[in-house]
Structure formats: C-alpha cells, structure tokens
N, C-alpha and C. Protein backbone atom coordinates (compact mmCIF):
# COMPACT_ATOMS: atom_id res chain seq x y z
N MET A 1 -7.16 13.72 -27.67
CA MET A 1 -6.78 12.17 -27.67
C MET A 1 -5.47 11.79 -27.51
N ARG A 2 -4.25 12.32 -27.97
CA ARG A 2 -2.85 11.99 -27.84
C ARG A 2 -2.46 12.43 -26.10
N ALA A 3 -3.28 13.30 -25.83
CA ALA A 3 -2.81 13.84 -24.01
C ALA A 3 -2.93 13.17 -23.34
N SER A 4 -4.43 12.46 -23.42
CA SER A 4 -5.10 11.05 -22.63
C SER A 4 -4.21 9.98 -22.86
N GLN A 5 -3.79 9.67 -23.79
CA GLN A 5 -2.76 8.61 -23.79
C GLN A 5 -1.36 8.77 -23.20
N ASP A 6 -0.63 9.98 -23.26
CA ASP A 6 0.36 10.12 -22.81
C ASP A 6 0.29 9.91 -21.28
N PHE A 7 -0.75 10.84 -21.03
CA PHE A 7 -1.12 10.76 -19.27
C PHE A 7 -1.20 9.25 -18.79
N LEU A 8 -2.00 8.30 -19.61
CA LEU A 8 -1.76 7.03 -19.55
C LEU A 8 -0.68 6.54 -19.34
N ARG A 9 0.43 6.70 -20.24
CA ARG A 9 1.70 6.04 -20.08
C ARG A 9 2.61 6.20 -18.99
N VAL A 10 2.33 7.89 -18.62
CA VAL A 10 3.57 8.14 -17.59
C VAL A 10 2.50 7.48 -16.61
N GLY A 11 1.27 7.54 -16.09
CA GLY A 11 0.82 6.90 -14.75
C GLY A 11 1.06 5.30 -14.67
N ALA A 12 1.35 4.62 -16.04
CA ALA A 12 1.91 3.39 -15.78
C ALA A 12 2.74 2.89 -15.37
N THR A 13 3.82 3.91 -16.14
CA THR A 13 5.36 4.14 -15.60
C THR A 13 5.56 4.47 -14.36
N VAL A 14 4.97 5.35 -13.61
CA VAL A 14 5.19 5.52 -13.00
C VAL A 14 4.75 4.62 -11.51
N THR A 15 3.86 3.97 -11.71
CA THR A 15 3.24 2.64 -10.87
C THR A 15 4.34 1.93 -11.36
N PHE A 16 4.63 1.62 -12.38
CA PHE A 16 5.78 0.70 -12.36
C PHE A 16 6.75 0.72 -11.44
N VAL A 17 7.15 1.61 -11.86
CA VAL A 17 8.85 2.11 -11.14
C VAL A 17 8.71 2.38 -9.60
N GLY A 18 7.33 2.76 -9.06
CA GLY A 18 7.00 2.60 -7.31
C GLY A 18 6.97 1.13 -6.94
N PHE A 19 6.57 0.25 -8.02
CA PHE A 19 6.65 -1.58 -7.66
C PHE A 19 7.70 -1.89 -7.26
N ILE A 20 8.82 -1.47 -8.47
CA ILE A 20 10.24 -1.72 -8.34
C ILE A 20 10.72 -1.44 -7.23
N ILE A 21 10.94 -0.23 -6.74
CA ILE A 21 11.33 0.40 -5.89
C ILE A 21 11.02 0.02 -4.39
N LEU A 22 9.69 -0.32 -4.47
CA LEU A 22 9.14 -0.68 -2.97
C LEU A 22 10.01 -2.87 -3.19
N LEU A 23 10.09 -3.27 -4.34
CA LEU A 23 10.31 -4.67 -4.18
C LEU A 23 11.69 -4.60 -3.78
N LEU A 24 12.51 -3.53 -4.23
CA LEU A 24 13.85 -3.57 -4.10
C LEU A 24 13.95 -2.78 -2.42
N GLY A 25 13.42 -2.06 -1.63
CA GLY A 25 13.08 -2.08 -0.49
C GLY A 25 13.18 -3.09 0.38
N ILE A 26 12.17 -3.78 0.14
CA ILE A 26 11.93 -4.96 0.78
C ILE A 26 12.89 -6.04 0.53
N VAL A 27 13.64 -6.23 -0.18
CA VAL A 27 14.91 -7.15 -0.53
C VAL A 27 16.11 -6.90 0.08
N LEU A 28 16.37 -5.46 0.01
CA LEU A 28 17.45 -4.65 0.96
C LEU A 28 17.10 -4.80 2.07
N THR A 29 15.86 -4.86 2.98
CA THR A 29 15.46 -4.68 4.22
C THR A 29 16.10 -6.13 4.84
N ILE A 30 15.50 -7.09 4.40
CA ILE A 30 15.91 -8.47 4.29
C ILE A 30 17.36 -8.85 4.43
N LEU A 31 18.14 -8.67 3.28
CA LEU A 31 19.39 -8.43 3.25
C LEU A 31 20.59 -8.15 4.35
N GLN A 32 19.80 -6.89 4.78
CA GLN A 32 20.82 -6.60 5.49
C GLN A 32 20.19 -6.78 7.05
N HIS A 33 18.98 -7.07 7.75
CA HIS A 33 18.64 -7.42 8.87
C HIS A 33 18.06 -8.94 8.49
N PRO A 34 18.34 -9.83 8.42
CA PRO A 34 17.93 -10.97 8.20
C PRO A 34 17.02 -11.86 9.42
N ALA A 35 17.45 -11.75 10.44
CA ALA A 35 16.97 -12.09 12.01
C ALA A 35 15.76 -11.34 12.32
N SER A 36 16.16 -10.14 12.17
CA SER A 36 14.72 -8.90 13.03
C SER A 36 14.13 -8.24 12.16
N SER A 37 14.06 -8.92 10.81
CA SER A 37 13.13 -8.39 9.54
C SER A 37 11.45 -8.53 10.18
N GLN A 38 10.65 -7.86 10.41
CA GLN A 38 9.48 -7.82 10.62
C GLN A 38 8.43 -7.26 9.60
N MET A 39 7.54 -7.57 8.86
CA MET A 39 6.93 -7.32 7.35
C MET A 39 5.27 -7.03 7.55
N GLY A 40 4.57 -6.68 7.20
CA GLY A 40 3.06 -6.87 7.00
C GLY A 40 2.96 -6.27 6.00
N GLY A 41 1.33 -6.12 5.67
CA GLY A 41 0.89 -5.36 4.95
C GLY A 41 -0.72 -5.33 4.65
N LEU A 42 -1.36 -4.67 4.04
CA LEU A 42 -2.39 -3.84 4.03
C LEU A 42 -3.21 -3.98 2.61
N ILE A 43 -4.16 -5.12 2.54
CA ILE A 43 -4.75 -5.21 1.49
C ILE A 43 -6.23 -4.29 1.42
N MET A 44 -6.65 -3.47 0.47
CA MET A 44 -8.01 -2.76 0.66
C MET A 44 -8.86 -3.30 -0.46
N ILE A 45 -9.82 -3.46 -0.18
CA ILE A 45 -11.13 -4.06 -0.94
C ILE A 45 -12.11 -3.16 -0.84
N GLY A 46 -12.04 -1.89 -1.47
CA GLY A 46 -13.07 -1.00 -1.08
C GLY A 46 -12.82 -0.38 0.13
N PRO A 47 -13.99 -0.47 1.00
CA PRO A 47 -13.24 0.29 2.16
C PRO A 47 -12.97 -0.98 3.45
N ILE A 48 -12.61 -2.21 2.69
CA ILE A 48 -12.66 -3.41 3.70
C ILE A 48 -11.18 -3.56 3.83
N PRO A 49 -10.86 -3.50 5.22
CA PRO A 49 -9.22 -3.54 4.90
C PRO A 49 -8.62 -5.37 5.31
N ILE A 50 -7.62 -5.58 4.60
CA ILE A 50 -7.32 -7.26 5.03
C ILE A 50 -5.88 -6.70 5.35
N ALA A 51 -5.41 -7.16 6.79
CA ALA A 51 -4.05 -6.92 7.29
C ALA A 51 -3.57 -8.34 7.70
N PHE A 52 -2.27 -8.29 7.32
CA PHE A 52 -1.01 -9.16 7.41
C PHE A 52 0.17 -8.91 8.26
N GLY A 53 0.50 -9.93 9.10
CA GLY A 53 2.16 -9.45 9.51
C GLY A 53 2.65 -10.86 9.83
N SER A 54 4.23 -10.77 9.80
CA SER A 54 4.76 -11.50 10.51
C SER A 54 4.67 -11.96 11.95
N SER A 55 4.06 -11.08 12.47
CA SER A 55 4.34 -11.01 14.08
C SER A 55 2.71 -10.29 14.80
N PRO A 56 2.21 -10.66 15.46
CA PRO A 56 0.96 -9.89 15.97
C PRO A 56 0.89 -8.43 16.06
N GLU A 57 2.06 -7.80 16.77
CA GLU A 57 2.06 -6.48 16.42
C GLU A 57 1.90 -5.69 14.93
N ILE A 58 2.47 -6.17 14.55
CA ILE A 58 2.94 -5.59 13.08
C ILE A 58 1.34 -5.92 12.33
N THR A 59 0.46 -7.01 12.83
CA THR A 59 -1.06 -7.16 11.94
C THR A 59 -1.75 -6.30 12.67
N THR A 60 -1.43 -5.97 14.49
CA THR A 60 -2.54 -4.54 14.95
C THR A 60 -1.88 -3.98 14.34
N ASN A 61 -1.31 -3.09 13.91
CA ASN A 61 -0.56 -1.76 13.40
C ASN A 61 -0.42 -1.49 12.16
N MET A 62 -0.83 -2.65 11.26
CA MET A 62 -1.72 -2.98 9.58
C MET A 62 -2.72 -2.52 9.75
N LEU A 63 -3.94 -3.33 10.78
CA LEU A 63 -5.22 -3.06 11.02
C LEU A 63 -5.92 -1.99 11.25
N GLY A 64 -5.04 -1.36 12.21
CA GLY A 64 -5.02 0.21 12.54
C GLY A 64 -5.10 1.04 11.50
N LEU A 65 -4.11 0.80 10.68
CA LEU A 65 -3.63 1.40 9.78
C LEU A 65 -4.79 1.68 8.58
N GLY A 66 -5.57 0.40 8.42
CA GLY A 66 -6.77 -0.07 7.43
C GLY A 66 -7.80 0.53 8.05
N LEU A 67 -7.76 0.52 9.15
CA LEU A 67 -9.39 1.24 9.71
C LEU A 67 -9.22 2.94 9.67
N ILE A 68 -7.94 3.31 9.17
CA ILE A 68 -8.10 4.94 9.64
C ILE A 68 -8.35 4.90 8.20
N VAL A 69 -7.90 4.28 7.57
CA VAL A 69 -8.00 4.56 5.71
C VAL A 69 -9.10 4.55 5.25
N SER A 70 -9.75 3.26 5.86
CA SER A 70 -11.55 3.09 5.81
C SER A 70 -12.28 4.05 6.06
N ILE A 71 -11.92 4.46 7.18
CA ILE A 71 -12.56 6.12 7.75
C ILE A 71 -12.53 7.13 6.98
N LEU A 72 -11.20 7.51 6.23
CA LEU A 72 -10.86 8.13 5.53
C LEU A 72 -11.73 8.21 4.09
N TYR A 73 -11.99 6.70 3.73
CA TYR A 73 -12.50 7.06 2.38
C TYR A 73 -14.24 6.99 2.48
N LEU A 74 -14.71 6.51 3.60
CA LEU A 74 -16.24 6.89 3.62
C LEU A 74 -16.49 8.03 4.19
N PHE A 75 -15.45 8.80 4.85
CA PHE A 75 -15.57 10.11 5.04
C PHE A 75 -15.77 11.00 3.89
N LEU A 76 -14.51 10.82 3.02
CA LEU A 76 -14.44 11.01 1.61
C LEU A 76 -15.66 11.30 0.87
N TRP A 77 -16.06 9.81 0.48
CA TRP A 77 -17.49 9.20 -0.40
C TRP A 77 -18.53 10.23 0.15
N LYS A 78 -18.63 10.29 1.66
CA LYS A 78 -20.11 10.93 1.84
C LYS A 78 -20.11 12.22 1.93
N THR A 79 -18.45 12.92 1.85
CA THR A 79 -19.15 14.58 1.47
C THR A 79 -18.69 14.46 -0.36
N LYS A 80 -18.57 13.89 -0.76
CA LYS A 80 -18.39 14.22 -2.46
C LYS A 80 -20.02 13.98 -2.63
N ARG A 81 -20.70 13.19 -1.92
CA ARG A 81 -22.38 12.89 -2.45
C ARG A 81 -23.39 14.20 -2.21
C-alpha cells in the first residue's frame, strides 16, 4: 500500500513540475519575442482533437498533430482488444 502512495506522490510532483516548466517556457518566449510570438494548443477529449492557435498556420499544424494522435490512439486501442 505504501508503494502505491509513493508512486502517486511522485507522479503528481512530476506533473506539477512539468506544468510549471511549460508555463515558464511560454512566458519567456513571449517576453523575448513579443511581436513574432505565435502560439497554438491541442486539447484531446478521448480521441477527439480540439485545436486552436494565434494564426491559421499554427491552427492547421495543431489539427494535423491532433489527427495523428487520434489515429495512433485508435490504432493502439484496437490492437489492445
């Protein structure tokens, strides 16, 4: 029982540190290049991608990445069964 609690604590800590590093990277990018910064994001709800971005090119790239992740997800889910 103790080992599972340790794994949970380590996993939560790594996730939190990852979010902090990501946030710092975004802020530093905006501060270094304020006029040329383009950002985009991808939200996955199951196999359904939701893409957004600051320009049509970034949004298209995010959507392409989302489709690749969705296909990979569906392929791995199908082979698991």
